């Protein structure tokens, strides 16, 4: 019956190959969809972290910075005796300096400082700071060259000058220039606690929406892939059933052909064995051997009968690890 095994192998190998390819992760198109979904999710989260949040923060800084510039221009015209000379201790209106508390209150400033071109503090809301020098590089390399310099200082952190702040502050240096000449600078401590809370709330909402959208997208893709995986399993089951039918049809066809070829020689052998047994005396030394031949022919006849009545595909182990048709089980 080894020839039946040869008939079966190509079909079975084809089925195994199809089953091996029938997987979500092995399916190139579905795998690419999953990879694309993961990339989109990562891109959305990264965009929120590296683009959206910094943009909101920059918007807050720019808005407050513009406010600081407008306030500085107003204060410069009010506090400075001359806006064309370098700022010094004698450059400020004494009467207006006495009203600095009201000025800070009107513009909601935490503190106000005025610097000379050398970096000396010629005026400050804190009298103890007057006369101190600002030797930081940002003052001489940025502010002194006519550029506004601003930095957000979180609550309980140190400012650019090493001063611990009790609120969220935007520390802004606004240079006073005249025909490209640096006359001095104003430093404004702007309390942005409320604005920062609103910004943090907006960022939190944006992050939540982004996370929910990204999670929803990923979950939707996973559900689609899960459903597709179930469909693949059903298709695989149907394919296995089809292969079983093809195997059975092949076995039945081969069995019919084999039985047809075996039947006539078996009938001839069976007839001759009957004649020999009938004509030989029971005491003949050949009688027993011919009787054994007849038994073998009868056994072959039974096997042929079983092969002709195969109704399902059943196999059993054979020598060398191969498989052959199990005639007894297949013909039940």
C-alpha atoms as a PDB file:
ATOM      1  CA  UNK A   1       0.000   0.000   0.000  1.00  0.00           C
ATOM      2  CA  UNK A   2       2.986   2.309  -0.224  1.00  0.00           C
ATOM      3  CA  UNK A   3       1.740   3.644  -3.587  1.00  0.00           C
ATOM      4  CA  UNK A   4      -1.226   5.224  -1.764  1.00  0.00           C
ATOM      5  CA  UNK A   5       1.196   7.160   0.409  1.00  0.00           C
ATOM      6  CA  UNK A   6       2.893   8.514  -2.708  1.00  0.00           C
ATOM      7  CA  UNK A   7      -0.463   9.723  -4.003  1.00  0.00           C
ATOM      8  CA  UNK A   8      -1.211  11.476  -0.742  1.00  0.00           C
ATOM      9  CA  UNK A   9       2.077  13.327  -0.069  1.00  0.00           C
ATOM     10  CA  UNK A  10       1.773  16.194  -2.622  1.00  0.00           C
ATOM     11  CA  UNK A  11      -1.702  17.111  -1.391  1.00  0.00           C
ATOM     12  CA  UNK A  12      -0.725  16.990   2.283  1.00  0.00           C
ATOM     13  CA  UNK A  13       2.454  19.027   1.721  1.00  0.00           C
ATOM     14  CA  UNK A  14       0.433  21.632  -0.144  1.00  0.00           C
ATOM     15  CA  UNK A  15      -2.025  21.846   2.754  1.00  0.00           C
ATOM     16  CA  UNK A  16       0.770  22.237   5.314  1.00  0.00           C
ATOM     17  CA  UNK A  17       2.323  25.016   3.260  1.00  0.00           C
ATOM     18  CA  UNK A  18      -0.993  26.859   2.970  1.00  0.00           C
ATOM     19  CA  UNK A  19      -1.629  26.503   6.719  1.00  0.00           C
ATOM     20  CA  UNK A  20       1.852  27.864   7.515  1.00  0.00           C
ATOM     21  CA  UNK A  21       1.118  30.927   5.385  1.00  0.00           C
ATOM     22  CA  UNK A  22      -2.363  31.381   6.894  1.00  0.00           C
ATOM     23  CA  UNK A  23      -1.431  33.682   9.781  1.00  0.00           C
ATOM     24  CA  UNK A  24      -1.977  37.389  10.521  1.00  0.00           C
ATOM     25  CA  UNK A  25       1.693  38.082  11.201  1.00  0.00           C
ATOM     26  CA  UNK A  26       2.776  36.014   8.198  1.00  0.00           C
ATOM     27  CA  UNK A  27       0.358  37.848   5.934  1.00  0.00           C
ATOM     28  CA  UNK A  28       2.378  40.698   4.465  1.00  0.00           C
ATOM     29  CA  UNK A  29      -0.587  43.027   3.883  1.00  0.00           C
ATOM     30  CA  UNK A  30      -2.041  42.578   7.388  1.00  0.00           C
ATOM     31  CA  UNK A  31       1.396  42.794   8.962  1.00  0.00           C
ATOM     32  CA  UNK A  32       2.020  46.078   7.158  1.00  0.00           C
ATOM     33  CA  UNK A  33      -1.330  47.432   8.409  1.00  0.00           C
ATOM     34  CA  UNK A  34      -0.354  46.574  11.993  1.00  0.00           C
ATOM     35  CA  UNK A  35       3.076  48.175  11.588  1.00  0.00           C
ATOM     36  CA  UNK A  36       1.499  51.273   9.995  1.00  0.00           C
ATOM     37  CA  UNK A  37      -0.992  51.565  12.874  1.00  0.00           C
ATOM     38  CA  UNK A  38       1.814  51.351  15.448  1.00  0.00           C
ATOM     39  CA  UNK A  39       3.822  53.981  13.532  1.00  0.00           C
ATOM     40  CA  UNK A  40       0.784  56.312  13.417  1.00  0.00           C
ATOM     41  CA  UNK A  41       0.196  55.891  17.165  1.00  0.00           C
ATOM     42  CA  UNK A  42       3.862  56.598  17.946  1.00  0.00           C
ATOM     43  CA  UNK A  43       3.807  59.577  15.552  1.00  0.00           C
ATOM     44  CA  UNK A  44       0.694  61.050  17.198  1.00  0.00           C
ATOM     45  CA  UNK A  45       2.127  60.709  20.697  1.00  0.00           C
ATOM     46  CA  UNK A  46       5.520  62.047  19.567  1.00  0.00           C
ATOM     47  CA  UNK A  47       3.852  64.970  17.777  1.00  0.00           C
ATOM     48  CA  UNK A  48       1.956  65.833  20.945  1.00  0.00           C
ATOM     49  CA  UNK A  49       5.099  65.617  23.103  1.00  0.00           C
ATOM     50  CA  UNK A  50       7.616  67.269  20.783  1.00  0.00           C
ATOM     51  CA  UNK A  51       5.452  69.655  18.718  1.00  0.00           C
ATOM     52  CA  UNK A  52       2.108  70.477  20.348  1.00  0.00           C
ATOM     53  CA  UNK A  53       3.234  70.922  23.968  1.00  0.00           C
ATOM     54  CA  UNK A  54       6.338  73.024  23.084  1.00  0.00           C
ATOM     55  CA  UNK A  55       4.167  75.109  20.726  1.00  0.00           C
ATOM     56  CA  UNK A  56       1.690  75.877  23.504  1.00  0.00           C
ATOM     57  CA  UNK A  57       4.548  76.772  25.853  1.00  0.00           C
ATOM     58  CA  UNK A  58       6.150  78.958  23.187  1.00  0.00           C
ATOM     59  CA  UNK A  59       2.812  80.672  22.584  1.00  0.00           C
ATOM     60  CA  UNK A  60       2.541  81.472  26.295  1.00  0.00           C
ATOM     61  CA  UNK A  61       6.093  82.838  26.353  1.00  0.00           C
ATOM     62  CA  UNK A  62       5.595  84.912  23.190  1.00  0.00           C
ATOM     63  CA  UNK A  63       2.299  86.363  24.411  1.00  0.00           C
ATOM     64  CA  UNK A  64       3.736  87.276  27.805  1.00  0.00           C
ATOM     65  CA  UNK A  65       6.917  88.503  26.147  1.00  0.00           C
ATOM     66  CA  UNK A  66       4.909  90.882  23.966  1.00  0.00           C
ATOM     67  CA  UNK A  67       3.125  92.136  27.069  1.00  0.00           C
ATOM     68  CA  UNK A  68       6.520  92.702  28.706  1.00  0.00           C
ATOM     69  CA  UNK A  69       7.742  94.700  25.696  1.00  0.00           C
ATOM     70  CA  UNK A  70       4.662  96.950  25.767  1.00  0.00           C
ATOM     71  CA  UNK A  71       5.008  97.450  29.528  1.00  0.00           C
ATOM     72  CA  UNK A  72       8.714  98.230  29.162  1.00  0.00           C
ATOM     73  CA  UNK A  73       8.080 100.828  26.481  1.00  0.00           C
ATOM     74  CA  UNK A  74       5.479 102.457  28.683  1.00  0.00           C
ATOM     75  CA  UNK A  75       7.725 102.364  31.757  1.00  0.00           C
ATOM     76  CA  UNK A  76      10.724 103.613  29.803  1.00  0.00           C
ATOM     77  CA  UNK A  77       8.802 106.666  28.661  1.00  0.00           C
ATOM     78  CA  UNK A  78       7.559 107.262  32.215  1.00  0.00           C
ATOM     79  CA  UNK A  79      10.594 106.399  34.377  1.00  0.00           C
ATOM     80  CA  UNK A  80      13.524 107.512  32.220  1.00  0.00           C
ATOM     81  CA  UNK A  81      14.467 111.152  32.100  1.00  0.00           C
ATOM     82  CA  UNK A  82      15.946 110.606  28.639  1.00  0.00           C
ATOM     83  CA  UNK A  83      15.499 107.643  26.303  1.00  0.00           C
ATOM     84  CA  UNK A  84      18.608 108.588  24.318  1.00  0.00           C
ATOM     85  CA  UNK A  85      21.229 108.421  27.060  1.00  0.00           C
ATOM     86  CA  UNK A  86      22.669 105.409  28.842  1.00  0.00           C
ATOM     87  CA  UNK A  87      20.727 104.385  31.908  1.00  0.00           C
ATOM     88  CA  UNK A  88      22.340 105.197  35.238  1.00  0.00           C
ATOM     89  CA  UNK A  89      21.332 105.934  38.814  1.00  0.00           C
ATOM     90  CA  UNK A  90      20.488 109.506  37.845  1.00  0.00           C
ATOM     91  CA  UNK A  91      18.458 108.525  34.781  1.00  0.00           C
ATOM     92  CA  UNK A  92      15.210 107.793  36.606  1.00  0.00           C
ATOM     93  CA  UNK A  93      12.451 110.148  37.752  1.00  0.00           C
ATOM     94  CA  UNK A  94      12.587 110.131  41.540  1.00  0.00           C
ATOM     95  CA  UNK A  95       8.890 110.893  41.934  1.00  0.00           C
ATOM     96  CA  UNK A  96       7.852 107.987  39.721  1.00  0.00           C
ATOM     97  CA  UNK A  97      10.178 105.623  41.546  1.00  0.00           C
ATOM     98  CA  UNK A  98       8.196 106.281  44.692  1.00  0.00           C
ATOM     99  CA  UNK A  99       5.119 105.001  42.883  1.00  0.00           C
ATOM    100  CA  UNK A 100       6.744 101.755  41.693  1.00  0.00           C
ATOM    101  CA  UNK A 101       4.508  99.752  44.021  1.00  0.00           C
ATOM    102  CA  UNK A 102       1.454 101.073  42.233  1.00  0.00           C
ATOM    103  CA  UNK A 103       3.110 100.453  38.867  1.00  0.00           C
ATOM    104  CA  UNK A 104       3.759  96.799  39.799  1.00  0.00           C
ATOM    105  CA  UNK A 105       0.190  96.430  40.970  1.00  0.00           C
ATOM    106  CA  UNK A 106      -1.272  98.048  37.839  1.00  0.00           C
ATOM    107  CA  UNK A 107       0.707  95.777  35.514  1.00  0.00           C
ATOM    108  CA  UNK A 108       0.550  92.696  37.783  1.00  0.00           C
ATOM    109  CA  UNK A 109       4.333  92.487  38.048  1.00  0.00           C
ATOM    110  CA  UNK A 110       6.140  90.485  40.733  1.00  0.00           C
ATOM    111  CA  UNK A 111       9.246  92.606  40.428  1.00  0.00           C
ATOM    112  CA  UNK A 112      10.865  95.242  38.248  1.00  0.00           C
ATOM    113  CA  UNK A 113      14.560  95.960  37.703  1.00  0.00           C
ATOM    114  CA  UNK A 114      16.429  98.512  35.653  1.00  0.00           C
ATOM    115  CA  UNK A 115      20.000  97.788  34.467  1.00  0.00           C
ATOM    116  CA  UNK A 116      22.734 100.050  33.239  1.00  0.00           C
ATOM    117  CA  UNK A 117      24.666  98.984  30.102  1.00  0.00           C
ATOM    118  CA  UNK A 118      27.360  97.433  32.320  1.00  0.00           C
ATOM    119  CA  UNK A 119      24.797  95.217  34.054  1.00  0.00           C
ATOM    120  CA  UNK A 120      24.523  97.206  37.288  1.00  0.00           C
ATOM    121  CA  UNK A 121      21.097  97.224  38.910  1.00  0.00           C
ATOM    122  CA  UNK A 122      20.179 100.899  39.208  1.00  0.00           C
ATOM    123  CA  UNK A 123      16.652 100.213  40.357  1.00  0.00           C
ATOM    124  CA  UNK A 124      14.771  97.238  41.821  1.00  0.00           C
ATOM    125  CA  UNK A 125      11.581  96.599  43.697  1.00  0.00           C
ATOM    126  CA  UNK A 126      13.898  94.975  46.244  1.00  0.00           C
ATOM    127  CA  UNK A 127      16.143  97.786  47.562  1.00  0.00           C
ATOM    128  CA  UNK A 128      18.823  95.275  48.629  1.00  0.00           C
ATOM    129  CA  UNK A 129      19.542  94.415  44.979  1.00  0.00           C
ATOM    130  CA  UNK A 130      20.402  97.966  43.894  1.00  0.00           C
ATOM    131  CA  UNK A 131      24.094  98.278  43.020  1.00  0.00           C
ATOM    132  CA  UNK A 132      24.621  94.588  42.274  1.00  0.00           C
ATOM    133  CA  UNK A 133      26.084  93.533  38.933  1.00  0.00           C
ATOM    134  CA  UNK A 134      24.665  91.047  36.484  1.00  0.00           C
ATOM    135  CA  UNK A 135      27.666  89.240  35.019  1.00  0.00           C
ATOM    136  CA  UNK A 136      25.708  86.423  33.399  1.00  0.00           C
ATOM    137  CA  UNK A 137      26.557  85.669  29.777  1.00  0.00           C
ATOM    138  CA  UNK A 138      22.971  85.957  28.557  1.00  0.00           C
ATOM    139  CA  UNK A 139      22.922  89.625  29.649  1.00  0.00           C
ATOM    140  CA  UNK A 140      26.092  90.649  27.802  1.00  0.00           C
ATOM    141  CA  UNK A 141      25.818  88.228  24.845  1.00  0.00           C
ATOM    142  CA  UNK A 142      22.097  88.506  24.156  1.00  0.00           C
ATOM    143  CA  UNK A 143      20.380  91.405  25.928  1.00  0.00           C
ATOM    144  CA  UNK A 144      23.240  93.875  25.378  1.00  0.00           C
ATOM    145  CA  UNK A 145      23.002  93.149  21.646  1.00  0.00           C
ATOM    146  CA  UNK A 146      19.390  94.246  21.475  1.00  0.00           C
ATOM    147  CA  UNK A 147      17.638  90.899  21.789  1.00  0.00           C
ATOM    148  CA  UNK A 148      14.836  90.120  24.210  1.00  0.00           C
ATOM    149  CA  UNK A 149      15.647  87.255  26.548  1.00  0.00           C
ATOM    150  CA  UNK A 150      12.912  85.388  28.399  1.00  0.00           C
ATOM    151  CA  UNK A 151      12.715  82.201  30.398  1.00  0.00           C
ATOM    152  CA  UNK A 152       9.967  80.453  32.325  1.00  0.00           C
ATOM    153  CA  UNK A 153      10.932  79.808  35.949  1.00  0.00           C
ATOM    154  CA  UNK A 154       8.711  77.173  37.621  1.00  0.00           C
ATOM    155  CA  UNK A 155       7.492  77.675  41.162  1.00  0.00           C
ATOM    156  CA  UNK A 156      10.094  77.050  43.905  1.00  0.00           C
ATOM    157  CA  UNK A 157      12.937  77.112  41.366  1.00  0.00           C
ATOM    158  CA  UNK A 158      15.754  79.641  41.075  1.00  0.00           C
ATOM    159  CA  UNK A 159      15.549  82.511  38.613  1.00  0.00           C
ATOM    160  CA  UNK A 160      18.278  83.409  36.128  1.00  0.00           C
ATOM    161  CA  UNK A 161      19.929  85.454  38.858  1.00  0.00           C
ATOM    162  CA  UNK A 162      19.713  82.702  41.475  1.00  0.00           C
ATOM    163  CA  UNK A 163      16.644  84.023  43.245  1.00  0.00           C
ATOM    164  CA  UNK A 164      14.054  81.458  44.384  1.00  0.00           C
ATOM    165  CA  UNK A 165      10.562  82.311  43.151  1.00  0.00           C
ATOM    166  CA  UNK A 166       7.304  81.428  44.885  1.00  0.00           C
ATOM    167  CA  UNK A 167       5.145  81.372  41.744  1.00  0.00           C
ATOM    168  CA  UNK A 168       5.449  80.388  38.106  1.00  0.00           C
ATOM    169  CA  UNK A 169       7.286  83.343  36.619  1.00  0.00           C
ATOM    170  CA  UNK A 170       8.298  84.526  33.173  1.00  0.00           C
ATOM    171  CA  UNK A 171      11.564  86.389  33.639  1.00  0.00           C
ATOM    172  CA  UNK A 172      11.977  88.797  30.728  1.00  0.00           C
ATOM    173  CA  UNK A 173      14.860  91.121  29.832  1.00  0.00           C
ATOM    174  CA  UNK A 174      13.940  93.905  27.410  1.00  0.00           C
ATOM    175  CA  UNK A 175      16.855  95.993  26.082  1.00  0.00           C
ATOM    176  CA  UNK A 176      16.584  99.765  25.584  1.00  0.00           C
ATOM    177  CA  UNK A 177      18.282 100.681  22.301  1.00  0.00           C
ATOM    178  CA  UNK A 178      18.938 103.968  20.505  1.00  0.00           C
ATOM    179  CA  UNK A 179      20.295 103.816  16.956  1.00  0.00           C
ATOM    180  CA  UNK A 180      21.776 100.394  17.661  1.00  0.00           C
ATOM    181  CA  UNK A 181      23.407 101.543  20.903  1.00  0.00           C
ATOM    182  CA  UNK A 182      22.625  99.609  24.093  1.00  0.00           C
ATOM    183  CA  UNK A 183      21.424 102.037  26.756  1.00  0.00           C
ATOM    184  CA  UNK A 184      20.406  99.532  29.420  1.00  0.00           C
ATOM    185  CA  UNK A 185      17.629  97.044  30.087  1.00  0.00           C
ATOM    186  CA  UNK A 186      14.460  96.444  32.019  1.00  0.00           C
ATOM    187  CA  UNK A 187      13.858  93.118  33.727  1.00  0.00           C
ATOM    188  CA  UNK A 188      10.282  92.174  34.436  1.00  0.00           C
ATOM    189  CA  UNK A 189       9.114  89.305  36.609  1.00  0.00           C
ATOM    190  CA  UNK A 190       5.705  88.388  35.248  1.00  0.00           C
ATOM    191  CA  UNK A 191       3.512  86.076  37.347  1.00  0.00           C
ATOM    192  CA  UNK A 192       2.146  83.518  34.879  1.00  0.00           C
ATOM    193  CA  UNK A 193       0.718  81.091  37.443  1.00  0.00           C
ATOM    194  CA  UNK A 194      -2.869  81.452  36.208  1.00  0.00           C
ATOM    195  CA  UNK A 195      -1.846  81.390  32.570  1.00  0.00           C
ATOM    196  CA  UNK A 196       0.333  78.343  33.162  1.00  0.00           C
ATOM    197  CA  UNK A 197      -2.538  76.552  34.903  1.00  0.00           C
ATOM    198  CA  UNK A 198      -4.731  77.223  31.880  1.00  0.00           C
ATOM    199  CA  UNK A 199      -1.923  76.069  29.602  1.00  0.00           C
ATOM    200  CA  UNK A 200      -1.366  72.903  31.649  1.00  0.00           C
ATOM    201  CA  UNK A 201      -5.100  72.200  31.498  1.00  0.00           C
ATOM    202  CA  UNK A 202      -5.083  72.679  27.731  1.00  0.00           C
ATOM    203  CA  UNK A 203      -2.011  70.449  27.371  1.00  0.00           C
ATOM    204  CA  UNK A 204      -3.640  67.812  29.575  1.00  0.00           C
ATOM    205  CA  UNK A 205      -6.790  67.866  27.442  1.00  0.00           C
ATOM    206  CA  UNK A 206      -4.749  67.723  24.250  1.00  0.00           C
ATOM    207  CA  UNK A 207      -2.673  64.813  25.569  1.00  0.00           C
ATOM    208  CA  UNK A 208      -5.800  62.968  26.715  1.00  0.00           C
ATOM    209  CA  UNK A 209      -7.516  63.406  23.342  1.00  0.00           C
ATOM    210  CA  UNK A 210      -4.369  62.344  21.488  1.00  0.00           C
ATOM    211  CA  UNK A 211      -3.902  59.317  23.741  1.00  0.00           C
ATOM    212  CA  UNK A 212      -7.569  58.313  23.421  1.00  0.00           C
ATOM    213  CA  UNK A 213      -7.478  58.684  19.646  1.00  0.00           C
ATOM    214  CA  UNK A 214      -4.213  56.748  19.366  1.00  0.00           C
ATOM    215  CA  UNK A 215      -5.471  54.038  21.721  1.00  0.00           C
ATOM    216  CA  UNK A 216      -8.800  53.846  19.876  1.00  0.00           C
ATOM    217  CA  UNK A 217      -7.006  53.524  16.548  1.00  0.00           C
ATOM    218  CA  UNK A 218      -4.727  50.787  17.854  1.00  0.00           C
ATOM    219  CA  UNK A 219      -7.625  48.917  19.497  1.00  0.00           C
ATOM    220  CA  UNK A 220      -9.676  49.168  16.284  1.00  0.00           C
ATOM    221  CA  UNK A 221      -6.791  47.784  14.237  1.00  0.00           C
ATOM    222  CA  UNK A 222      -6.243  44.993  16.777  1.00  0.00           C
ATOM    223  CA  UNK A 223      -9.957  44.091  16.650  1.00  0.00           C
ATOM    224  CA  UNK A 224      -9.871  44.032  12.861  1.00  0.00           C
ATOM    225  CA  UNK A 225      -6.804  41.799  12.923  1.00  0.00           C
ATOM    226  CA  UNK A 226      -8.446  39.604  15.560  1.00  0.00           C
ATOM    227  CA  UNK A 227     -11.539  39.182  13.381  1.00  0.00           C
ATOM    228  CA  UNK A 228      -9.330  38.507  10.392  1.00  0.00           C
ATOM    229  CA  UNK A 229      -7.441  35.890  12.389  1.00  0.00           C
ATOM    230  CA  UNK A 230     -10.746  34.160  13.219  1.00  0.00           C
ATOM    231  CA  UNK A 231     -11.690  34.283   9.532  1.00  0.00           C
ATOM    232  CA  UNK A 232      -8.316  32.793   8.655  1.00  0.00           C
ATOM    233  CA  UNK A 233      -8.879  29.939  11.089  1.00  0.00           C
ATOM    234  CA  UNK A 234     -12.285  29.256   9.531  1.00  0.00           C
ATOM    235  CA  UNK A 235     -10.766  29.328   6.054  1.00  0.00           C
ATOM    236  CA  UNK A 236      -8.000  27.049   7.278  1.00  0.00           C
ATOM    237  CA  UNK A 237     -10.585  24.619   8.681  1.00  0.00           C
ATOM    238  CA  UNK A 238     -12.526  24.657   5.412  1.00  0.00           C
ATOM    239  CA  UNK A 239      -9.275  24.127   3.529  1.00  0.00           C
ATOM    240  CA  UNK A 240      -8.428  21.146   5.729  1.00  0.00           C
ATOM    241  CA  UNK A 241     -11.870  19.683   5.091  1.00  0.00           C
ATOM    242  CA  UNK A 242     -11.383  20.187   1.365  1.00  0.00           C
ATOM    243  CA  UNK A 243      -7.989  18.510   1.530  1.00  0.00           C
ATOM    244  CA  UNK A 244      -9.509  15.607   3.454  1.00  0.00           C
ATOM    245  CA  UNK A 245     -12.122  15.191   0.741  1.00  0.00           C
ATOM    246  CA  UNK A 246      -9.455  15.312  -1.954  1.00  0.00           C
ATOM    247  CA  UNK A 247      -7.373  12.749  -0.081  1.00  0.00           C
ATOM    248  CA  UNK A 248     -10.366  10.473   0.356  1.00  0.00           C
ATOM    249  CA  UNK A 249     -11.315  10.796  -3.294  1.00  0.00           C
ATOM    250  CA  UNK A 250      -7.755   9.989  -4.282  1.00  0.00           C
ATOM    251  CA  UNK A 251      -7.640   6.995  -1.974  1.00  0.00           C
ATOM    252  CA  UNK A 252     -10.970   5.665  -3.257  1.00  0.00           C
ATOM    253  CA  UNK A 253      -9.875   6.094  -6.873  1.00  0.00           C
ATOM    254  CA  UNK A 254      -6.580   4.342  -6.229  1.00  0.00           C
ATOM    255  CA  UNK A 255      -8.317   1.648  -4.181  1.00  0.00           C
ATOM    256  CA  UNK A 256     -10.825   0.961  -6.962  1.00  0.00           C
ATOM    257  CA  UNK A 257      -8.049   0.678  -9.525  1.00  0.00           C
ATOM    258  CA  UNK A 258      -6.003  -1.599  -7.259  1.00  0.00           C
ATOM    259  CA  UNK A 259      -8.958  -3.858  -6.432  1.00  0.00           C
ATOM    260  CA  UNK A 260      -9.842  -4.194 -10.093  1.00  0.00           C
ATOM    261  CA  UNK A 261      -6.277  -5.234 -10.907  1.00  0.00           C
ATOM    262  CA  UNK A 262      -6.006  -7.614  -7.933  1.00  0.00           C
ATOM    263  CA  UNK A 263      -9.414  -9.247  -8.205  1.00  0.00           C
ATOM    264  CA  UNK A 264      -8.965 -11.271 -11.401  1.00  0.00           C
ATOM    265  CA  UNK A 265      -5.548 -12.785 -10.485  1.00  0.00           C
ATOM    266  CA  UNK A 266      -6.884 -13.589  -7.006  1.00  0.00           C
ATOM    267  CA  UNK A 267      -9.937 -15.353  -8.439  1.00  0.00           C
ATOM    268  CA  UNK A 268      -7.698 -17.345 -10.766  1.00  0.00           C
ATOM    269  CA  UNK A 269      -5.363 -18.333  -7.918  1.00  0.00           C
ATOM    270  CA  UNK A 270      -8.318 -19.203  -5.711  1.00  0.00           C
ATOM    271  CA  UNK A 271      -9.822 -21.425  -8.451  1.00  0.00           C
ATOM    272  CA  UNK A 272      -6.579 -23.283  -9.043  1.00  0.00           C
ATOM    273  CA  UNK A 273      -6.036 -23.784  -5.310  1.00  0.00           C
ATOM    274  CA  UNK A 274      -9.522 -25.348  -5.038  1.00  0.00           C
ATOM    275  CA  UNK A 275      -8.787 -27.703  -7.946  1.00  0.00           C
ATOM    276  CA  UNK A 276      -5.424 -28.712  -6.499  1.00  0.00           C
ATOM    277  CA  UNK A 277      -6.900 -29.406  -3.074  1.00  0.00           C
ATOM    278  CA  UNK A 278      -9.756 -31.354  -4.657  1.00  0.00           C
ATOM    279  CA  UNK A 279      -7.503 -33.539  -6.792  1.00  0.00           C
ATOM    280  CA  UNK A 280      -4.661 -34.100  -4.293  1.00  0.00           C
ATOM    281  CA  UNK A 281      -5.002 -36.831  -1.728  1.00  0.00           C
ATOM    282  CA  UNK A 282      -5.006 -35.579   1.838  1.00  0.00           C
ATOM    283  CA  UNK A 283      -1.903 -37.538   2.542  1.00  0.00           C
ATOM    284  CA  UNK A 284       0.071 -35.723  -0.128  1.00  0.00           C
ATOM    285  CA  UNK A 285       3.024 -33.623   1.167  1.00  0.00           C
ATOM    286  CA  UNK A 286       1.811 -30.714  -1.047  1.00  0.00           C
ATOM    287  CA  UNK A 287      -1.701 -30.654   0.415  1.00  0.00           C
ATOM    288  CA  UNK A 288      -0.730 -28.604   3.494  1.00  0.00           C
ATOM    289  CA  UNK A 289       1.301 -26.079   1.505  1.00  0.00           C
ATOM    290  CA  UNK A 290      -1.467 -25.546  -1.057  1.00  0.00           C
ATOM    291  CA  UNK A 291      -3.934 -25.101   1.808  1.00  0.00           C
ATOM    292  CA  UNK A 292      -1.702 -22.321   3.248  1.00  0.00           C
ATOM    293  CA  UNK A 293      -1.617 -20.713  -0.186  1.00  0.00           C
ATOM    294  CA  UNK A 294      -5.427 -20.805  -0.283  1.00  0.00           C
ATOM    295  CA  UNK A 295      -5.597 -19.160   3.179  1.00  0.00           C
ATOM    296  CA  UNK A 296      -3.272 -16.368   1.997  1.00  0.00           C
ATOM    297  CA  UNK A 297      -5.416 -15.878  -1.108  1.00  0.00           C
ATOM    298  CA  UNK A 298      -8.532 -15.675   1.100  1.00  0.00           C
ATOM    299  CA  UNK A 299      -6.758 -13.081   3.274  1.00  0.00           C
ATOM    300  CA  UNK A 300      -5.865 -11.022   0.196  1.00  0.00           C
ATOM    301  CA  UNK A 301      -9.503 -11.234  -0.839  1.00  0.00           C
ATOM    302  CA  UNK A 302     -10.611  -9.800   2.501  1.00  0.00           C
ATOM    303  CA  UNK A 303      -8.062  -6.978   2.196  1.00  0.00           C
ATOM    304  CA  UNK A 304      -9.292  -6.220  -1.315  1.00  0.00           C
ATOM    305  CA  UNK A 305     -12.875  -6.170  -0.032  1.00  0.00           C
ATOM    306  CA  UNK A 306     -11.904  -3.649   2.702  1.00  0.00           C
ATOM    307  CA  UNK A 307     -10.090  -1.447   0.205  1.00  0.00           C
ATOM    308  CA  UNK A 308     -13.182  -1.356  -1.994  1.00  0.00           C
ATOM    309  CA  UNK A 309     -15.243  -0.140   0.992  1.00  0.00           C
ATOM    310  CA  UNK A 310     -12.966   2.707   2.198  1.00  0.00           C
ATOM    311  CA  UNK A 311     -15.182   5.651   3.292  1.00  0.00           C
ATOM    312  CA  UNK A 312     -12.822   7.975   5.163  1.00  0.00           C
ATOM    313  CA  UNK A 313      -9.193   9.025   5.357  1.00  0.00           C
ATOM    314  CA  UNK A 314      -7.258   7.317   8.172  1.00  0.00           C
ATOM    315  CA  UNK A 315      -3.502   6.733   8.390  1.00  0.00           C
ATOM    316  CA  UNK A 316      -1.066   4.835  10.587  1.00  0.00           C
ATOM    317  CA  UNK A 317       2.673   4.921  11.187  1.00  0.00           C
ATOM    318  CA  UNK A 318       4.877   2.891   8.875  1.00  0.00           C
ATOM    319  CA  UNK A 319       8.547   1.952   8.676  1.00  0.00           C
ATOM    320  CA  UNK A 320      10.902   4.946   8.493  1.00  0.00           C
ATOM    321  CA  UNK A 321       8.440   7.394  10.040  1.00  0.00           C
ATOM    322  CA  UNK A 322       6.183   7.556   6.969  1.00  0.00           C
ATOM    323  CA  UNK A 323       2.418   7.074   7.041  1.00  0.00           C
ATOM    324  CA  UNK A 324       0.164   4.728   5.099  1.00  0.00           C
ATOM    325  CA  UNK A 325      -3.596   4.240   4.818  1.00  0.00           C
ATOM    326  CA  UNK A 326      -5.070   2.356   7.781  1.00  0.00           C
ATOM    327  CA  UNK A 327      -7.375   0.035   5.828  1.00  0.00           C
ATOM    328  CA  UNK A 328      -9.157  -1.355   8.893  1.00  0.00           C
ATOM    329  CA  UNK A 329     -10.174   2.076  10.249  1.00  0.00           C
ATOM    330  CA  UNK A 330     -10.815   3.629   6.834  1.00  0.00           C
ATOM    331  CA  UNK A 331     -13.285   0.913   5.823  1.00  0.00           C
ATOM    332  CA  UNK A 332     -15.379   0.802   9.011  1.00  0.00           C
END
